[in-house]
Amino acid sequence: MINASTYVSTAPQVPTLSAQQLAHDDKAARQFEGVFLGEMMSQMFNGVGTDPMFGGGQGEKMFNDLLVRQYGEKMANTGQGVGIASTLKKMMIQMQENAPAQH
């Protein structure tokens, strides 16, 4: 005899979270990916020297971190980024849906 409980549904589950919570999760996941990418690129740019003719100085030192942070945010907010945000968002939704209800 076949037991119906042994079959696993492959249909995608509809999230039970509100649209506002889903938007908040998406924003948080993209921000995390932006910070992560910014930190990765910061390490990459540490090895790049400045152009002696047109680069260097206090201004470049001061604003280089801001520029790299913006690069990371732009990469995370346009297109697919590197996929960290989408994976993190799925995990956040799953954790929130499986969390016990708080009254």
N, C-alpha and C. Protein backbone atom coordinates (compact mmCIF):
# COMPACT_ATOMS: atom_id res chain seq x y z
N MET A 1 0.84 -1.18 0.00
CA MET A 1 0.00 0.00 0.00
C MET A 1 0.89 1.25 0.00
N ILE A 2 0.52 2.25 -0.76
CA ILE A 2 1.28 3.50 -0.86
C ILE A 2 0.73 4.48 0.17
N ASN A 3 1.65 5.07 0.91
CA ASN A 3 1.28 6.05 1.92
C ASN A 3 1.50 7.45 1.34
N ALA A 4 0.48 8.28 1.34
CA ALA A 4 0.58 9.61 0.76
C ALA A 4 1.53 10.51 1.53
N SER A 5 1.77 10.22 2.78
CA SER A 5 2.65 11.07 3.59
C SER A 5 4.12 10.90 3.22
N THR A 6 4.45 9.89 2.43
CA THR A 6 5.85 9.69 2.03
C THR A 6 6.24 10.58 0.86
N TYR A 7 5.28 11.18 0.20
CA TYR A 7 5.57 12.05 -0.92
C TYR A 7 5.84 13.46 -0.42
N VAL A 8 6.83 14.09 -1.01
CA VAL A 8 7.17 15.46 -0.65
C VAL A 8 6.67 16.37 -1.76
N SER A 9 6.00 17.41 -1.37
CA SER A 9 5.49 18.36 -2.36
C SER A 9 6.63 19.15 -2.95
N THR A 10 6.65 19.26 -4.28
CA THR A 10 7.68 20.06 -4.95
C THR A 10 7.14 21.42 -5.36
N ALA A 11 5.88 21.68 -5.06
CA ALA A 11 5.29 22.97 -5.40
C ALA A 11 5.91 24.05 -4.53
N PRO A 12 6.20 25.22 -5.11
CA PRO A 12 6.78 26.28 -4.30
C PRO A 12 5.79 26.74 -3.23
N GLN A 13 6.32 26.98 -2.04
CA GLN A 13 5.47 27.43 -0.96
C GLN A 13 5.23 28.94 -1.08
N VAL A 14 4.01 29.34 -0.80
CA VAL A 14 3.66 30.75 -0.82
C VAL A 14 4.08 31.35 0.52
N PRO A 15 4.86 32.42 0.50
CA PRO A 15 5.31 32.99 1.76
C PRO A 15 4.12 33.51 2.57
N THR A 16 4.20 33.32 3.87
CA THR A 16 3.13 33.78 4.75
C THR A 16 3.45 35.13 5.36
N LEU A 17 4.55 35.72 4.97
CA LEU A 17 4.94 37.03 5.49
C LEU A 17 4.26 38.14 4.71
N SER A 18 4.13 39.28 5.33
CA SER A 18 3.51 40.42 4.67
C SER A 18 4.44 40.99 3.60
N ALA A 19 3.86 41.74 2.69
CA ALA A 19 4.66 42.37 1.63
C ALA A 19 5.67 43.33 2.24
N GLN A 20 5.29 43.99 3.31
CA GLN A 20 6.20 44.91 3.98
C GLN A 20 7.40 44.17 4.57
N GLN A 21 7.16 43.01 5.18
CA GLN A 21 8.24 42.23 5.76
C GLN A 21 9.15 41.67 4.66
N LEU A 22 8.55 41.23 3.55
CA LEU A 22 9.36 40.73 2.43
C LEU A 22 10.24 41.82 1.86
N ALA A 23 9.68 43.04 1.75
CA ALA A 23 10.47 44.17 1.25
C ALA A 23 11.60 44.51 2.21
N HIS A 24 11.32 44.44 3.50
CA HIS A 24 12.35 44.70 4.52
C HIS A 24 13.46 43.65 4.43
N ASP A 25 13.09 42.40 4.27
CA ASP A 25 14.09 41.33 4.14
C ASP A 25 14.94 41.52 2.90
N ASP A 26 14.31 41.91 1.79
CA ASP A 26 15.03 42.14 0.54
C ASP A 26 16.05 43.27 0.71
N LYS A 27 15.61 44.36 1.35
CA LYS A 27 16.49 45.51 1.56
C LYS A 27 17.67 45.12 2.45
N ALA A 28 17.40 44.40 3.53
CA ALA A 28 18.46 43.99 4.45
C ALA A 28 19.46 43.06 3.76
N ALA A 29 18.95 42.14 2.95
CA ALA A 29 19.84 41.20 2.25
C ALA A 29 20.71 41.93 1.23
N ARG A 30 20.14 42.89 0.53
CA ARG A 30 20.93 43.67 -0.45
C ARG A 30 21.97 44.54 0.25
N GLN A 31 21.60 45.12 1.39
CA GLN A 31 22.56 45.92 2.15
C GLN A 31 23.72 45.06 2.62
N PHE A 32 23.42 43.86 3.10
CA PHE A 32 24.48 42.96 3.54
C PHE A 32 25.40 42.62 2.38
N GLU A 33 24.82 42.30 1.23
CA GLU A 33 25.65 41.97 0.07
C GLU A 33 26.50 43.17 -0.34
N GLY A 34 25.93 44.37 -0.27
CA GLY A 34 26.69 45.57 -0.60
C GLY A 34 27.88 45.79 0.31
N VAL A 35 27.69 45.59 1.61
CA VAL A 35 28.78 45.72 2.57
C VAL A 35 29.84 44.65 2.31
N PHE A 36 29.38 43.43 2.07
CA PHE A 36 30.31 42.33 1.80
C PHE A 36 31.16 42.63 0.56
N LEU A 37 30.50 43.05 -0.52
CA LEU A 37 31.23 43.35 -1.76
C LEU A 37 32.17 44.53 -1.57
N GLY A 38 31.73 45.53 -0.81
CA GLY A 38 32.58 46.69 -0.53
C GLY A 38 33.84 46.28 0.22
N GLU A 39 33.69 45.40 1.20
CA GLU A 39 34.85 44.93 1.96
C GLU A 39 35.80 44.12 1.07
N MET A 40 35.23 43.30 0.20
CA MET A 40 36.08 42.53 -0.72
C MET A 40 36.86 43.46 -1.64
N MET A 41 36.17 44.46 -2.18
CA MET A 41 36.84 45.38 -3.10
C MET A 41 37.82 46.28 -2.36
N SER A 42 37.54 46.58 -1.12
CA SER A 42 38.47 47.39 -0.33
C SER A 42 39.82 46.69 -0.24
N GLN A 43 39.79 45.39 0.01
CA GLN A 43 41.04 44.63 0.06
C GLN A 43 41.72 44.60 -1.31
N MET A 44 40.92 44.53 -2.35
CA MET A 44 41.46 44.51 -3.70
C MET A 44 42.15 45.84 -4.03
N PHE A 45 41.51 46.95 -3.65
CA PHE A 45 42.06 48.26 -3.97
C PHE A 45 43.25 48.63 -3.09
N ASN A 46 43.43 47.95 -1.97
CA ASN A 46 44.60 48.23 -1.13
C ASN A 46 45.90 47.96 -1.86
N GLY A 47 45.89 47.03 -2.80
CA GLY A 47 47.10 46.69 -3.54
C GLY A 47 47.34 47.55 -4.76
N VAL A 48 46.41 48.45 -5.06
CA VAL A 48 46.53 49.29 -6.25
C VAL A 48 47.19 50.60 -5.86
N GLY A 49 48.27 50.92 -6.52
CA GLY A 49 48.97 52.18 -6.25
C GLY A 49 48.26 53.37 -6.90
N THR A 50 48.64 54.56 -6.50
CA THR A 50 48.05 55.77 -7.09
C THR A 50 48.91 56.26 -8.24
N ASP A 51 48.28 56.93 -9.13
CA ASP A 51 48.98 57.52 -10.27
C ASP A 51 49.74 58.75 -9.76
N PRO A 52 51.06 58.76 -9.92
CA PRO A 52 51.83 59.88 -9.36
C PRO A 52 51.53 61.22 -10.04
N MET A 53 51.09 61.18 -11.29
CA MET A 53 50.85 62.41 -12.01
C MET A 53 49.53 63.07 -11.60
N PHE A 54 48.46 62.25 -11.47
CA PHE A 54 47.15 62.82 -11.21
C PHE A 54 46.48 62.30 -9.94
N GLY A 55 47.06 61.34 -9.26
CA GLY A 55 46.42 60.75 -8.09
C GLY A 55 47.14 61.06 -6.81
N GLY A 56 46.61 60.47 -5.74
CA GLY A 56 47.24 60.61 -4.44
C GLY A 56 46.69 61.80 -3.67
N GLY A 57 47.32 62.08 -2.59
CA GLY A 57 46.92 63.22 -1.78
C GLY A 57 45.88 62.84 -0.73
N GLN A 58 45.59 63.81 0.13
CA GLN A 58 44.63 63.61 1.21
C GLN A 58 43.23 63.33 0.70
N GLY A 59 42.83 63.98 -0.36
CA GLY A 59 41.48 63.79 -0.91
C GLY A 59 41.24 62.36 -1.34
N GLU A 60 42.19 61.79 -2.01
CA GLU A 60 42.03 60.40 -2.46
C GLU A 60 41.99 59.45 -1.26
N LYS A 61 42.84 59.68 -0.30
CA LYS A 61 42.83 58.83 0.89
C LYS A 61 41.49 58.93 1.62
N MET A 62 40.97 60.14 1.70
CA MET A 62 39.76 60.37 2.47
C MET A 62 38.52 59.77 1.80
N PHE A 63 38.45 59.87 0.49
CA PHE A 63 37.24 59.47 -0.21
C PHE A 63 37.31 58.08 -0.85
N ASN A 64 38.45 57.43 -0.81
CA ASN A 64 38.58 56.12 -1.42
C ASN A 64 37.64 55.10 -0.78
N ASP A 65 37.53 55.09 0.55
CA ASP A 65 36.64 54.15 1.23
C ASP A 65 35.18 54.39 0.83
N LEU A 66 34.80 55.65 0.71
CA LEU A 66 33.42 55.96 0.30
C LEU A 66 33.15 55.47 -1.12
N LEU A 67 34.12 55.63 -2.00
CA LEU A 67 33.96 55.19 -3.38
C LEU A 67 33.81 53.67 -3.45
N VAL A 68 34.64 52.96 -2.71
CA VAL A 68 34.59 51.50 -2.73
C VAL A 68 33.27 51.02 -2.13
N ARG A 69 32.78 51.69 -1.09
CA ARG A 69 31.48 51.32 -0.50
C ARG A 69 30.36 51.51 -1.52
N GLN A 70 30.42 52.59 -2.27
CA GLN A 70 29.41 52.84 -3.31
C GLN A 70 29.48 51.79 -4.42
N TYR A 71 30.68 51.38 -4.77
CA TYR A 71 30.82 50.31 -5.76
C TYR A 71 30.10 49.05 -5.27
N GLY A 72 30.32 48.68 -4.02
CA GLY A 72 29.68 47.49 -3.46
C GLY A 72 28.17 47.60 -3.45
N GLU A 73 27.64 48.76 -3.03
CA GLU A 73 26.19 48.97 -3.00
C GLU A 73 25.60 48.92 -4.41
N LYS A 74 26.28 49.52 -5.36
CA LYS A 74 25.78 49.53 -6.74
C LYS A 74 25.75 48.13 -7.32
N MET A 75 26.78 47.36 -7.05
CA MET A 75 26.81 45.98 -7.54
C MET A 75 25.68 45.15 -6.93
N ALA A 76 25.41 45.37 -5.65
CA ALA A 76 24.37 44.59 -4.98
C ALA A 76 22.97 45.00 -5.43
N ASN A 77 22.78 46.27 -5.78
CA ASN A 77 21.44 46.76 -6.11
C ASN A 77 21.10 46.72 -7.58
N THR A 78 22.05 46.40 -8.43
CA THR A 78 21.77 46.29 -9.86
C THR A 78 21.99 44.85 -10.30
N GLY A 79 21.05 44.33 -11.01
CA GLY A 79 21.21 42.98 -11.53
C GLY A 79 21.19 41.94 -10.42
N GLN A 80 21.98 40.93 -10.57
CA GLN A 80 21.99 39.82 -9.63
C GLN A 80 23.08 39.94 -8.57
N GLY A 81 23.96 40.90 -8.67
CA GLY A 81 25.08 40.96 -7.73
C GLY A 81 25.91 39.70 -7.88
N VAL A 82 26.24 39.07 -6.77
CA VAL A 82 26.94 37.79 -6.82
C VAL A 82 26.09 36.68 -6.23
N GLY A 83 24.85 36.98 -5.89
CA GLY A 83 23.92 35.95 -5.43
C GLY A 83 23.80 35.83 -3.92
N ILE A 84 24.55 36.61 -3.18
CA ILE A 84 24.47 36.52 -1.73
C ILE A 84 23.11 37.00 -1.23
N ALA A 85 22.62 38.11 -1.79
CA ALA A 85 21.35 38.70 -1.32
C ALA A 85 20.18 37.75 -1.53
N SER A 86 20.10 37.12 -2.68
CA SER A 86 18.96 36.23 -2.95
C SER A 86 18.99 35.02 -2.02
N THR A 87 20.17 34.46 -1.79
CA THR A 87 20.29 33.32 -0.89
C THR A 87 19.97 33.72 0.55
N LEU A 88 20.49 34.85 0.95
CA LEU A 88 20.25 35.34 2.31
C LEU A 88 18.77 35.64 2.53
N LYS A 89 18.13 36.24 1.53
CA LYS A 89 16.69 36.56 1.65
C LYS A 89 15.88 35.27 1.82
N LYS A 90 16.18 34.25 1.04
CA LYS A 90 15.47 32.97 1.17
C LYS A 90 15.65 32.39 2.57
N MET A 91 16.86 32.47 3.09
CA MET A 91 17.12 31.95 4.43
C MET A 91 16.38 32.75 5.49
N MET A 92 16.33 34.08 5.33
CA MET A 92 15.63 34.93 6.29
C MET A 92 14.13 34.61 6.30
N ILE A 93 13.56 34.45 5.11
CA ILE A 93 12.13 34.13 5.01
C ILE A 93 11.86 32.78 5.66
N GLN A 94 12.69 31.81 5.38
CA GLN A 94 12.50 30.48 5.94
C GLN A 94 12.59 30.51 7.47
N MET A 95 13.54 31.26 7.99
CA MET A 95 13.69 31.35 9.44
C MET A 95 12.48 32.04 10.08
N GLN A 96 11.97 33.08 9.43
CA GLN A 96 10.83 33.81 9.98
C GLN A 96 9.55 32.98 9.92
N GLU A 97 9.40 32.21 8.84
CA GLU A 97 8.20 31.38 8.72
C GLU A 97 8.23 30.21 9.70
N ASN A 98 9.43 29.72 10.03
CA ASN A 98 9.55 28.59 10.94
C ASN A 98 9.64 29.00 12.40
N ALA A 99 9.76 30.31 12.64
CA ALA A 99 9.86 30.78 14.03
C ALA A 99 8.53 30.63 14.74
N PRO A 100 8.55 30.29 16.03
CA PRO A 100 7.28 30.19 16.76
C PRO A 100 6.60 31.55 16.85
N ALA A 101 5.30 31.53 16.80
CA ALA A 101 4.52 32.78 16.84
C ALA A 101 4.69 33.42 18.20
N GLN A 102 4.94 34.74 18.19
CA GLN A 102 5.09 35.48 19.43
C GLN A 102 3.83 36.27 19.68
N HIS A 103 3.30 36.16 20.88
CA HIS A 103 2.05 36.86 21.20
C HIS A 103 2.30 37.93 22.20
